[in-house]
Amino acid sequence: MKKLLSAVLALVLLLSAAACAFAEAGDEEIIGYVTERFLPLTQVPRPSHHEELISSYLYDWAAGRGFAPVRDGANNIIFDVPATPGMEAKPLVVLQAHMDMVCAAADGVVWDPLSEPVKPVVSDETITADGTSLGADDGIGVAMCLCVADGLIAHGPVRIIITTDEEDGMEGMFALDPVHVADAGYLINLDAEQSDAVIVSTASGVLMDFSAPADTVPAGDFDAAVTITLKGLLGGHSGVEIHKGRLSAVRAMAALLLRLRSGGVSFAVASISGGTAPNAIPSSASAVLAVCAGDLGRVDEICAAWQSDMALAYISADPGLTVITEQSALPAAVLSDSALDDVLSFITCIPDGVHTMSADAAGLVESSSNLGILRCDESGLHAVDMIRSSDPARQEELVTIQSGLAAARGYAVISSKSADPWKFDPDSRLLALARAAYLDMNGEELTVMAIHAGLECGTFAVLNPELDMISMGPDLFDVHTPKETCVLAGIPVTYRLLERVLADID
């Protein structure tokens, strides 16, 4: 892996860092600038909580250019970039992105994100990955920071902060020393996903971590086993796509098991598992059942009928559900009847999806909950739910509901903050500059968005309440999934906007 890191760094150091203004560059050149710095990032494993390699890569990249980077205890990377000559009097601007990514593989794809790189697929219009998530969230934001550091656009004093663990708890952000933003008045976050918009407000988040010891019994009189797999669902970002009515594979599995029970099939469950991250809607799930051999045909029959029913119910929102049943080895132990009843009722009763809509902002989700991870087998139960809300009362309401559900079943629960709220500032100077620049360059109004997802801007506001902030980024679709796509045409739009804001700020 060290050889891979060295090879990638050597490749990047060969890239031209000749200064030029994006105003003089065409779209293809700008796309080249960004992708030349993004594609090497895809070759460095960087799942959340395992950013040692990418942090070292970025540290060496900055040090190799003489920027004297700081690498803190959370593996965050911070370094200052001197102003372009003649722009030294401009105020300090922080450019910020995160280095980790959500690692998701398509059905049937074997991928170890701790040791294996992403395989990017570049076409004339997009960048995707072969069978996995791409990491453009937020690798493209990191690449844009590197372009600025390489002098590709003119700027005043800039501080670049690239954080860790943004996708799963924001631990890097929460560990950041306030000194790194104490002297800054402006911050531009590069973690947005729509080139014709800027984000100015985000929701807070709470992670609910549930656990329980194993309660298993011998398989008893059952003489066969079947593994049921649900796949083909869209999944998606639990902050961005939560309102689209997509089916959660974890909840779907619970519903299917209840259908089998009501259909007269006698069974016991050895394991249930689904989901990959708290902030990703589960797109697949599986369960291992001990059954009577004479019921195997009935299991297939009920699963096929249930799939047809669900396909009709989700024909528009999530049409790709597939149910696969395969005979498997008979498990030695299964969940007790009471343990199975508890987990099925927990999955079906926990609030999942949109909880409330905002009464003030049309179309904005106010609060939601996503059961993103569930594992239950002979080692015990572990589940993680992400609550999001722009209203503290609604957030507390969901925490209370989920804590009560856990207590009723004897589950232990630990809650932890995953994001601070970011309140809209109607007097933002950065927003005014961005709107004027976008209108001037594109002949149309910039969309100003408050979103249900969380960004690190909320915690930056805690570290320095005087910070004036906006978030921008190119067009990304289906992030946190194997279908993640970066639309190349959005890159020049975002980077020219960044260039103009950095030039106009005073």
Protein backbone atom coordinates (compact mmCIF):
# COMPACT_ATOMS: atom_id res chain seq x y z
CA MET A 1 0.00 0.00 0.00
CA LYS A 2 2.93 2.32 0.71
CA LYS A 3 4.16 1.62 -2.82
CA LEU A 4 0.73 2.56 -4.18
CA LEU A 5 0.72 5.79 -2.17
CA SER A 6 4.22 6.69 -3.36
CA ALA A 7 3.35 5.97 -6.97
CA VAL A 8 0.21 8.10 -6.82
CA LEU A 9 2.06 10.98 -5.18
CA ALA A 10 4.83 10.76 -7.77
CA LEU A 11 2.21 10.92 -10.54
CA VAL A 12 0.64 14.03 -9.08
CA LEU A 13 3.96 15.78 -8.56
CA LEU A 14 4.53 15.44 -12.30
CA LEU A 15 1.38 17.42 -13.04
CA SER A 16 1.89 20.97 -14.23
CA ALA A 17 1.26 23.61 -11.59
CA ALA A 18 1.73 26.53 -13.96
CA ALA A 19 -0.36 29.51 -12.82
CA CYS A 20 -3.21 30.60 -15.06
CA ALA A 21 -6.60 32.24 -14.62
CA PHE A 22 -9.70 30.14 -15.19
CA ALA A 23 -11.17 33.10 -17.06
CA GLU A 24 -8.65 32.28 -19.82
CA ALA A 25 -9.24 28.54 -19.76
CA GLY A 26 -11.91 26.65 -21.65
CA ASP A 27 -14.26 24.12 -20.12
CA GLU A 28 -12.12 21.15 -21.17
CA GLU A 29 -9.02 22.68 -19.63
CA ILE A 30 -10.81 23.34 -16.36
CA ILE A 31 -12.18 19.80 -16.27
CA GLY A 32 -8.64 18.60 -16.88
CA TYR A 33 -7.25 20.67 -14.01
CA VAL A 34 -9.75 19.19 -11.56
CA THR A 35 -9.76 15.59 -12.77
CA GLU A 36 -5.95 15.46 -12.83
CA ARG A 37 -6.08 16.10 -9.11
CA PHE A 38 -9.19 14.03 -8.39
CA LEU A 39 -8.34 10.77 -10.15
CA PRO A 40 -5.21 10.10 -8.06
CA LEU A 41 -7.38 10.43 -4.94
CA THR A 42 -9.46 7.47 -6.14
CA GLN A 43 -6.36 5.29 -5.94
CA VAL A 44 -5.84 5.92 -2.22
CA PRO A 45 -8.22 3.98 0.07
CA ARG A 46 -10.16 6.42 2.24
CA PRO A 47 -13.24 5.02 3.96
CA SER A 48 -14.46 6.95 6.98
CA HIS A 49 -12.41 6.22 10.13
CA HIS A 50 -9.57 4.88 7.98
CA GLU A 51 -8.05 8.00 6.45
CA GLU A 52 -4.42 7.43 7.45
CA LEU A 53 -3.28 6.84 3.86
CA ILE A 54 -5.16 9.72 2.28
CA SER A 55 -4.14 12.05 5.11
CA SER A 56 -0.49 11.12 4.49
CA TYR A 57 -0.96 11.64 0.78
CA LEU A 58 -2.39 15.13 1.25
CA TYR A 59 0.25 16.04 3.84
CA ASP A 60 3.03 15.02 1.44
CA TRP A 61 1.31 16.81 -1.44
CA ALA A 62 1.20 20.09 0.50
CA ALA A 63 4.66 19.70 2.00
CA GLY A 64 6.09 18.99 -1.45
CA ARG A 65 4.88 22.41 -2.53
CA GLY A 66 6.32 24.18 0.49
CA PHE A 67 3.05 24.92 2.31
CA ALA A 68 4.11 23.67 5.80
CA PRO A 69 0.95 21.61 6.44
CA VAL A 70 -0.39 20.72 9.88
CA ARG A 71 -1.68 17.21 10.50
CA ASP A 72 -3.63 17.07 13.74
CA GLY A 73 -4.57 14.15 15.98
CA ALA A 74 -7.70 13.42 13.94
CA ASN A 75 -5.69 13.30 10.68
CA ASN A 76 -7.18 16.60 9.48
CA ILE A 77 -4.87 18.48 7.10
CA ILE A 78 -4.54 22.27 7.37
CA PHE A 79 -2.23 24.56 5.40
CA ASP A 80 -2.04 28.18 4.31
CA VAL A 81 -1.56 29.26 0.70
CA PRO A 82 -0.01 32.73 0.22
CA ALA A 83 -1.98 35.26 -1.80
CA THR A 84 -1.44 35.78 -5.48
CA PRO A 85 0.89 38.80 -5.88
CA GLY A 86 -1.15 41.99 -5.71
CA MET A 87 -3.99 40.34 -3.72
CA GLU A 88 -2.32 40.22 -0.30
CA ALA A 89 -4.70 42.81 1.17
CA LYS A 90 -7.77 40.63 0.68
CA PRO A 91 -9.28 38.94 3.75
CA LEU A 92 -8.38 35.38 4.67
CA VAL A 93 -10.73 32.80 3.13
CA VAL A 94 -10.93 29.20 4.34
CA LEU A 95 -11.57 26.59 1.64
CA GLN A 96 -12.85 23.38 3.16
CA ALA A 97 -13.61 19.83 2.02
CA HIS A 98 -13.49 16.34 3.54
CA MET A 99 -11.19 13.49 2.54
CA ASP A 100 -13.24 10.41 3.49
CA MET A 101 -15.86 8.68 1.35
CA VAL A 102 -18.81 6.33 1.73
CA CYS A 103 -17.72 2.98 0.33
CA ALA A 104 -20.52 1.00 -1.33
CA ALA A 105 -20.25 -1.90 -3.79
CA ALA A 106 -22.82 -3.12 -6.28
CA ASP A 107 -24.46 -6.51 -5.78
CA GLY A 108 -21.98 -9.26 -6.55
CA VAL A 109 -18.93 -6.96 -6.53
CA VAL A 110 -16.18 -8.02 -4.14
CA TRP A 111 -14.24 -4.96 -2.96
CA ASP A 112 -12.12 -4.26 0.09
CA PRO A 113 -12.18 -0.45 0.45
CA LEU A 114 -9.46 -0.62 3.10
CA SER A 115 -6.89 -1.91 0.62
CA GLU A 116 -8.28 -1.66 -2.91
CA PRO A 117 -8.60 1.52 -4.99
CA VAL A 118 -11.66 2.74 -6.83
CA LYS A 119 -11.72 1.99 -10.56
CA PRO A 120 -12.87 5.28 -12.15
CA VAL A 121 -14.68 5.23 -15.48
CA VAL A 122 -14.28 8.48 -17.41
CA SER A 123 -16.50 9.27 -20.40
CA ASP A 124 -17.02 12.45 -22.38
CA GLU A 125 -19.75 13.54 -19.97
CA THR A 126 -19.28 11.83 -16.60
CA ILE A 127 -17.03 10.08 -14.15
CA THR A 128 -18.38 6.98 -12.45
CA ALA A 129 -16.76 3.94 -10.85
CA ASP A 130 -16.70 0.32 -11.94
CA GLY A 131 -18.99 -1.44 -9.47
CA THR A 132 -18.45 0.82 -6.47
CA SER A 133 -19.08 4.31 -5.16
CA LEU A 134 -16.78 6.89 -6.73
CA GLY A 135 -15.83 9.19 -3.85
CA ALA A 136 -16.52 12.39 -5.77
CA ASP A 137 -18.26 13.23 -2.51
CA ASP A 138 -16.02 14.86 -1.50
CA GLY A 139 -12.98 14.06 -3.62
CA ILE A 140 -13.99 16.66 -6.18
CA GLY A 141 -14.07 19.28 -3.42
CA VAL A 142 -10.59 18.22 -2.31
CA ALA A 143 -9.38 18.41 -5.92
CA MET A 144 -10.71 21.94 -6.26
CA CYS A 145 -8.82 22.95 -3.12
CA LEU A 146 -5.66 21.50 -4.65
CA CYS A 147 -6.24 23.45 -7.86
CA VAL A 148 -6.40 26.67 -5.87
CA ALA A 149 -3.26 25.72 -3.97
CA ASP A 150 -1.50 25.05 -7.27
CA GLY A 151 -2.13 28.64 -8.34
CA LEU A 152 -4.59 27.91 -11.12
CA ILE A 153 -6.72 30.89 -10.12
CA ALA A 154 -5.90 34.20 -8.47
CA HIS A 155 -6.78 34.55 -4.80
CA GLY A 156 -6.07 36.39 -1.60
CA PRO A 157 -4.75 34.60 1.50
CA VAL A 158 -6.29 31.12 1.61
CA ARG A 159 -6.33 28.46 4.30
CA ILE A 160 -7.22 24.95 3.19
CA ILE A 161 -8.80 22.60 5.73
CA ILE A 162 -9.46 19.00 4.69
CA THR A 163 -11.22 16.99 7.39
CA THR A 164 -11.77 13.34 8.24
CA ASP A 165 -14.79 11.21 9.12
CA GLU A 166 -17.34 13.66 7.72
CA GLU A 167 -19.51 10.85 6.38
CA ASP A 168 -19.80 8.96 9.66
CA GLY A 169 -19.99 11.18 12.72
CA MET A 170 -17.89 14.21 11.71
CA GLU A 171 -15.26 13.23 14.25
CA GLY A 172 -12.54 15.10 12.37
CA MET A 173 -14.58 18.29 12.38
CA PHE A 174 -15.45 17.98 16.07
CA ALA A 175 -11.73 17.53 16.87
CA LEU A 176 -10.59 20.58 14.88
CA ASP A 177 -8.78 23.23 16.93
CA PRO A 178 -10.76 26.52 16.81
CA VAL A 179 -7.48 28.36 16.26
CA HIS A 180 -7.61 27.31 12.60
CA VAL A 181 -10.65 29.54 11.96
CA ALA A 182 -10.28 32.15 14.71
CA ASP A 183 -8.63 34.64 12.35
CA ALA A 184 -10.89 33.99 9.34
CA GLY A 185 -13.99 35.91 8.34
CA TYR A 186 -15.06 33.78 5.36
CA LEU A 187 -15.35 30.07 4.63
CA ILE A 188 -16.31 28.31 1.40
CA ASN A 189 -17.28 24.68 1.82
CA LEU A 190 -16.82 22.58 -1.35
CA ASP A 191 -19.12 19.68 -0.46
CA ALA A 192 -22.31 20.63 -2.33
CA GLU A 193 -23.73 18.67 -5.26
CA GLN A 194 -25.47 21.12 -7.58
CA SER A 195 -23.55 23.52 -9.82
CA ASP A 196 -26.37 26.06 -10.20
CA ALA A 197 -26.94 26.37 -6.45
CA VAL A 198 -25.27 27.25 -3.18
CA ILE A 199 -26.21 25.89 0.22
CA VAL A 200 -26.72 28.35 3.07
CA SER A 201 -28.32 26.25 5.83
CA THR A 202 -28.25 22.62 6.97
CA ALA A 203 -29.80 20.35 9.58
CA SER A 204 -28.31 18.94 12.75
CA GLY A 205 -27.83 15.21 13.23
CA VAL A 206 -27.83 12.58 15.96
CA LEU A 207 -26.56 9.00 15.71
CA MET A 208 -28.49 6.40 17.72
CA ASP A 209 -26.43 3.26 18.33
CA PHE A 210 -28.41 0.24 19.56
CA SER A 211 -27.03 -3.03 20.91
CA ALA A 212 -28.16 -6.16 22.71
CA PRO A 213 -26.51 -9.43 23.69
CA ALA A 214 -27.20 -12.60 21.73
CA ASP A 215 -30.29 -14.59 22.70
CA THR A 216 -30.06 -17.80 20.67
CA VAL A 217 -31.30 -21.36 20.88
CA PRO A 218 -30.52 -24.57 18.94
CA ALA A 219 -32.16 -24.93 15.52
CA GLY A 220 -34.36 -27.69 16.96
CA ASP A 221 -36.51 -29.74 14.59
CA PHE A 222 -35.81 -27.64 11.49
CA ASP A 223 -33.99 -29.70 8.86
CA ALA A 224 -33.28 -27.16 6.08
CA ALA A 225 -32.13 -23.58 5.66
CA VAL A 226 -32.65 -20.81 3.14
CA THR A 227 -30.86 -17.51 2.62
CA ILE A 228 -33.11 -14.70 1.45
CA THR A 229 -31.41 -11.74 -0.21
CA LEU A 230 -33.04 -8.44 -1.14
CA LYS A 231 -31.13 -6.33 -3.65
CA GLY A 232 -31.58 -3.90 -6.54
CA LEU A 233 -32.91 -1.02 -4.46
CA LEU A 234 -31.73 2.52 -5.16
CA GLY A 235 -30.65 3.39 -1.63
CA GLY A 236 -29.06 6.83 -1.57
CA HIS A 237 -28.08 9.66 0.77
CA SER A 238 -30.36 9.79 3.79
CA GLY A 239 -30.27 13.58 3.83
CA VAL A 240 -30.63 14.24 0.11
CA GLU A 241 -32.92 11.42 -1.04
CA ILE A 242 -34.92 10.70 2.13
CA HIS A 243 -38.01 12.43 0.72
CA LYS A 244 -38.10 10.39 -2.50
CA GLY A 245 -40.03 7.49 -1.02
CA ARG A 246 -37.36 4.89 -1.64
CA LEU A 247 -37.66 1.50 0.02
CA SER A 248 -35.33 0.61 2.88
CA ALA A 249 -34.00 -2.92 2.42
CA VAL A 250 -33.89 -3.42 6.21
CA ARG A 251 -37.55 -2.56 6.65
CA ALA A 252 -38.42 -4.56 3.55
CA MET A 253 -36.74 -7.65 5.00
CA ALA A 254 -38.73 -7.33 8.22
CA ALA A 255 -41.92 -7.02 6.17
CA LEU A 256 -41.05 -10.10 4.12
CA LEU A 257 -40.35 -12.20 7.22
CA LEU A 258 -43.69 -11.13 8.66
CA ARG A 259 -45.36 -12.12 5.37
CA LEU A 260 -43.78 -15.56 5.61
CA ARG A 261 -45.06 -15.90 9.16
CA SER A 262 -48.59 -14.84 8.24
CA GLY A 263 -48.42 -17.24 5.28
CA GLY A 264 -48.10 -20.17 7.63
CA VAL A 265 -44.40 -20.90 7.21
CA SER A 266 -42.72 -22.07 10.39
CA PHE A 267 -39.16 -20.78 10.61
CA ALA A 268 -36.42 -19.47 12.86
CA VAL A 269 -33.92 -16.79 11.95
CA ALA A 270 -30.18 -17.25 12.36
CA SER A 271 -29.24 -13.77 11.12
CA ILE A 272 -30.57 -10.56 9.62
CA SER A 273 -28.27 -7.94 8.14
CA GLY A 274 -28.58 -4.87 5.95
CA GLY A 275 -27.20 -1.43 5.24
CA THR A 276 -23.66 -0.07 4.99
CA ALA A 277 -23.67 3.37 6.65
CA PRO A 278 -25.94 5.40 8.96
CA ASN A 279 -26.34 8.13 6.34
CA ALA A 280 -27.15 5.77 3.45
CA ILE A 281 -30.61 4.32 2.83
CA PRO A 282 -30.09 0.52 2.88
CA SER A 283 -30.16 -0.87 -0.66
CA SER A 284 -29.69 -4.56 0.21
CA ALA A 285 -30.33 -6.97 3.06
CA SER A 286 -30.16 -10.68 3.77
CA ALA A 287 -31.51 -13.19 6.26
CA VAL A 288 -30.69 -16.83 6.99
CA LEU A 289 -33.71 -18.92 7.99
CA ALA A 290 -33.99 -22.43 9.42
CA VAL A 291 -37.12 -24.08 7.99
CA CYS A 292 -38.71 -27.46 7.44
CA ALA A 293 -37.64 -28.98 4.12
CA GLY A 294 -41.28 -29.41 3.16
CA ASP A 295 -41.79 -25.64 3.39
CA LEU A 296 -39.00 -24.62 0.96
CA GLY A 297 -41.39 -24.44 -1.97
CA ARG A 298 -43.82 -22.36 0.05
CA VAL A 299 -41.01 -19.94 0.98
CA ASP A 300 -40.19 -19.44 -2.71
CA GLU A 301 -43.86 -18.96 -3.52
CA ILE A 302 -44.48 -16.33 -0.82
CA CYS A 303 -41.24 -14.46 -1.64
CA ALA A 304 -42.19 -14.27 -5.33
CA ALA A 305 -45.69 -13.00 -4.52
CA TRP A 306 -44.33 -10.44 -2.06
CA GLN A 307 -41.82 -9.19 -4.63
CA SER A 308 -44.66 -8.67 -7.13
CA ASP A 309 -46.67 -6.73 -4.56
CA MET A 310 -43.71 -4.53 -3.64
CA ALA A 311 -42.77 -3.92 -7.27
CA LEU A 312 -46.27 -2.58 -7.85
CA ALA A 313 -46.23 -0.47 -4.68
CA TYR A 314 -42.84 1.08 -5.54
CA ILE A 315 -43.14 1.10 -9.32
CA SER A 316 -42.16 4.77 -9.50
CA ALA A 317 -40.01 5.37 -6.42
CA ASP A 318 -37.90 2.19 -6.34
CA PRO A 319 -38.71 -0.29 -9.10
CA GLY A 320 -35.63 -2.54 -9.01
CA LEU A 321 -36.32 -4.79 -5.98
CA THR A 322 -35.18 -8.39 -6.48
CA VAL A 323 -35.71 -11.25 -4.02
CA ILE A 324 -33.37 -14.23 -4.22
CA THR A 325 -33.85 -17.45 -2.23
CA GLU A 326 -31.06 -20.01 -2.00
CA GLN A 327 -30.78 -23.16 0.08
CA SER A 328 -27.92 -22.92 2.57
CA ALA A 329 -26.30 -24.85 5.39
CA LEU A 330 -28.47 -25.44 8.45
CA PRO A 331 -27.33 -23.05 11.20
CA ALA A 332 -26.41 -24.47 14.58
CA ALA A 333 -28.12 -21.63 16.46
CA VAL A 334 -31.04 -19.32 15.76
CA LEU A 335 -32.60 -16.33 17.48
CA SER A 336 -35.04 -17.20 20.22
CA ASP A 337 -38.68 -16.50 19.43
CA SER A 338 -38.72 -13.51 21.78
CA ALA A 339 -35.49 -12.09 20.33
CA LEU A 340 -36.88 -12.39 16.81
CA ASP A 341 -40.17 -10.77 17.83
CA ASP A 342 -38.23 -7.90 19.42
CA VAL A 343 -36.04 -7.21 16.41
CA LEU A 344 -38.88 -7.42 13.89
CA SER A 345 -41.09 -5.09 15.93
CA PHE A 346 -38.14 -2.73 16.45
CA ILE A 347 -37.46 -2.52 12.70
CA THR A 348 -41.11 -1.99 11.82
CA CYS A 349 -41.87 0.49 14.63
CA ILE A 350 -38.82 2.75 14.53
CA PRO A 351 -39.55 5.95 12.59
CA ASP A 352 -37.86 5.58 9.20
CA GLY A 353 -37.96 8.14 6.40
CA VAL A 354 -39.52 11.59 6.58
CA HIS A 355 -40.91 12.44 10.01
CA THR A 356 -42.03 16.07 9.50
CA MET A 357 -41.88 18.67 6.73
CA SER A 358 -40.97 22.29 7.35
CA ALA A 359 -43.89 24.64 7.84
CA ASP A 360 -41.74 27.60 6.76
CA ALA A 361 -39.81 26.38 3.72
CA ALA A 362 -41.88 24.68 1.04
CA GLY A 363 -40.59 21.23 0.13
CA LEU A 364 -37.91 21.13 2.85
CA VAL A 365 -37.79 18.06 5.07
CA GLU A 366 -37.75 19.22 8.68
CA SER A 367 -36.93 15.94 10.42
CA SER A 368 -36.21 12.36 9.40
CA SER A 369 -34.78 9.09 10.59
CA ASN A 370 -32.79 6.43 8.73
CA LEU A 371 -32.06 2.95 10.09
CA GLY A 372 -28.86 2.67 8.08
CA ILE A 373 -27.22 -0.40 9.64
CA LEU A 374 -28.68 -3.52 11.22
CA ARG A 375 -26.84 -6.72 12.19
CA CYS A 376 -28.47 -9.41 14.30
CA ASP A 377 -27.03 -12.91 14.73
CA GLU A 378 -25.45 -15.21 17.31
CA SER A 379 -23.04 -12.42 18.32
CA GLY A 380 -25.89 -10.08 19.26
CA LEU A 381 -27.73 -7.10 17.81
CA HIS A 382 -26.16 -3.91 16.52
CA ALA A 383 -28.11 -1.19 14.75
CA VAL A 384 -27.36 2.44 13.91
CA ASP A 385 -29.95 5.07 13.06
CA MET A 386 -29.31 8.64 11.91
CA ILE A 387 -31.75 11.33 12.99
CA ARG A 388 -31.70 14.65 11.13
CA SER A 389 -33.64 17.79 12.01
CA SER A 390 -33.63 21.53 11.54
CA ASP A 391 -35.83 21.87 14.63
CA PRO A 392 -34.38 20.92 18.05
CA ALA A 393 -37.82 19.94 19.37
CA ARG A 394 -38.45 17.53 16.50
CA GLN A 395 -34.97 16.07 16.95
CA GLU A 396 -35.62 15.48 20.64
CA GLU A 397 -38.97 13.94 19.77
CA LEU A 398 -37.30 11.33 17.56
CA VAL A 399 -34.59 10.65 20.14
CA THR A 400 -37.29 10.07 22.78
CA ILE A 401 -39.28 7.72 20.53
CA GLN A 402 -36.26 5.63 19.60
CA SER A 403 -34.94 5.51 23.16
CA GLY A 404 -38.34 4.27 24.32
CA LEU A 405 -38.45 1.56 21.66
CA ALA A 406 -35.00 0.39 22.72
CA ALA A 407 -35.84 0.41 26.43
CA ALA A 408 -39.00 -1.63 25.88
CA ARG A 409 -36.88 -4.39 24.32
CA GLY A 410 -33.96 -4.18 26.70
CA TYR A 411 -31.62 -2.74 24.09
CA ALA A 412 -28.78 -0.50 25.13
CA VAL A 413 -28.67 2.80 23.27
CA ILE A 414 -25.99 5.47 22.92
CA SER A 415 -26.77 8.77 21.24
CA SER A 416 -24.10 11.07 19.84
CA LYS A 417 -24.08 14.28 17.85
CA SER A 418 -23.27 13.81 14.15
CA ALA A 419 -23.75 17.41 12.95
CA ASP A 420 -24.40 20.90 14.29
CA PRO A 421 -27.17 23.00 12.69
CA TRP A 422 -26.17 25.79 10.33
CA LYS A 423 -28.58 28.72 10.46
CA PHE A 424 -29.23 30.87 7.38
CA ASP A 425 -27.64 34.33 7.44
CA PRO A 426 -29.70 36.72 5.25
CA ASP A 427 -26.89 39.32 5.44
CA SER A 428 -24.17 37.01 4.13
CA ARG A 429 -21.61 38.92 2.06
CA LEU A 430 -20.42 35.67 0.45
CA LEU A 431 -23.95 34.83 -0.67
CA ALA A 432 -24.42 38.29 -2.20
CA LEU A 433 -21.12 37.98 -4.09
CA ALA A 434 -21.96 34.48 -5.32
CA ARG A 435 -25.41 35.51 -6.53
CA ALA A 436 -24.08 38.55 -8.39
CA ALA A 437 -21.21 36.58 -9.95
CA TYR A 438 -23.43 33.69 -11.05
CA LEU A 439 -25.98 36.03 -12.61
CA ASP A 440 -23.25 37.92 -14.45
CA MET A 441 -21.59 34.77 -15.79
CA ASN A 442 -24.65 32.66 -16.60
CA GLY A 443 -27.48 35.11 -17.18
CA GLU A 444 -29.73 33.46 -14.60
CA GLU A 445 -30.28 33.49 -10.87
CA LEU A 446 -28.30 31.24 -8.56
CA THR A 447 -30.46 28.84 -6.56
CA VAL A 448 -30.12 29.36 -2.82
CA MET A 449 -30.77 26.19 -0.84
CA ALA A 450 -31.38 25.05 2.70
CA ILE A 451 -30.96 21.27 2.84
CA HIS A 452 -31.92 18.47 5.18
CA ALA A 453 -28.44 16.93 5.13
CA GLY A 454 -25.64 18.03 7.43
CA LEU A 455 -22.46 19.86 6.46
CA GLU A 456 -19.42 20.78 8.50
CA CYS A 457 -20.42 24.45 8.28
CA GLY A 458 -22.63 23.95 11.33
CA THR A 459 -19.64 23.13 13.52
CA PHE A 460 -17.51 25.84 11.94
CA ALA A 461 -20.23 28.24 13.09
CA VAL A 462 -19.76 26.90 16.61
CA LEU A 463 -15.97 27.33 16.42
CA ASN A 464 -16.31 30.87 15.05
CA PRO A 465 -19.82 32.39 15.13
CA GLU A 466 -18.64 35.32 13.01
CA LEU A 467 -17.76 33.16 9.99
CA ASP A 468 -19.61 34.07 6.79
CA MET A 469 -20.11 30.80 4.89
CA ILE A 470 -21.57 29.24 1.74
CA SER A 471 -21.26 25.76 0.25
CA MET A 472 -20.87 25.02 -3.45
CA GLY A 473 -19.96 22.10 -5.70
CA PRO A 474 -20.44 20.51 -9.14
CA ASP A 475 -23.27 18.19 -10.14
CA LEU A 476 -23.14 14.83 -8.35
CA PHE A 477 -25.83 12.19 -8.44
CA ASP A 478 -26.51 9.01 -6.45
CA VAL A 479 -23.72 9.66 -3.96
CA HIS A 480 -23.16 6.98 -1.31
CA THR A 481 -24.14 4.32 -3.88
CA PRO A 482 -22.39 2.31 -6.63
CA LYS A 483 -24.17 4.57 -9.13
CA GLU A 484 -22.42 7.71 -7.90
CA THR A 485 -21.85 10.05 -10.86
CA CYS A 486 -19.95 13.30 -11.35
CA VAL A 487 -21.21 15.32 -14.31
CA LEU A 488 -18.18 16.92 -15.93
CA ALA A 489 -20.06 19.93 -17.30
CA GLY A 490 -20.76 21.12 -13.76
CA ILE A 491 -17.09 21.38 -12.84
CA PRO A 492 -16.33 24.57 -14.84
CA VAL A 493 -19.54 26.20 -13.57
CA THR A 494 -18.54 25.68 -9.95
CA TYR A 495 -14.91 26.55 -10.39
CA ARG A 496 -15.60 29.78 -12.27
CA LEU A 497 -18.00 30.74 -9.50
CA LEU A 498 -15.32 30.02 -6.93
CA GLU A 499 -12.83 32.04 -8.95
CA ARG A 500 -15.12 35.07 -9.14
CA VAL A 501 -15.98 35.00 -5.45
CA LEU A 502 -12.30 34.80 -4.49
CA ALA A 503 -11.54 37.69 -6.84
CA ASP A 504 -14.45 39.88 -5.72
CA ILE A 505 -14.24 39.38 -1.96
CA ASP A 506 -12.89 42.31 0.02
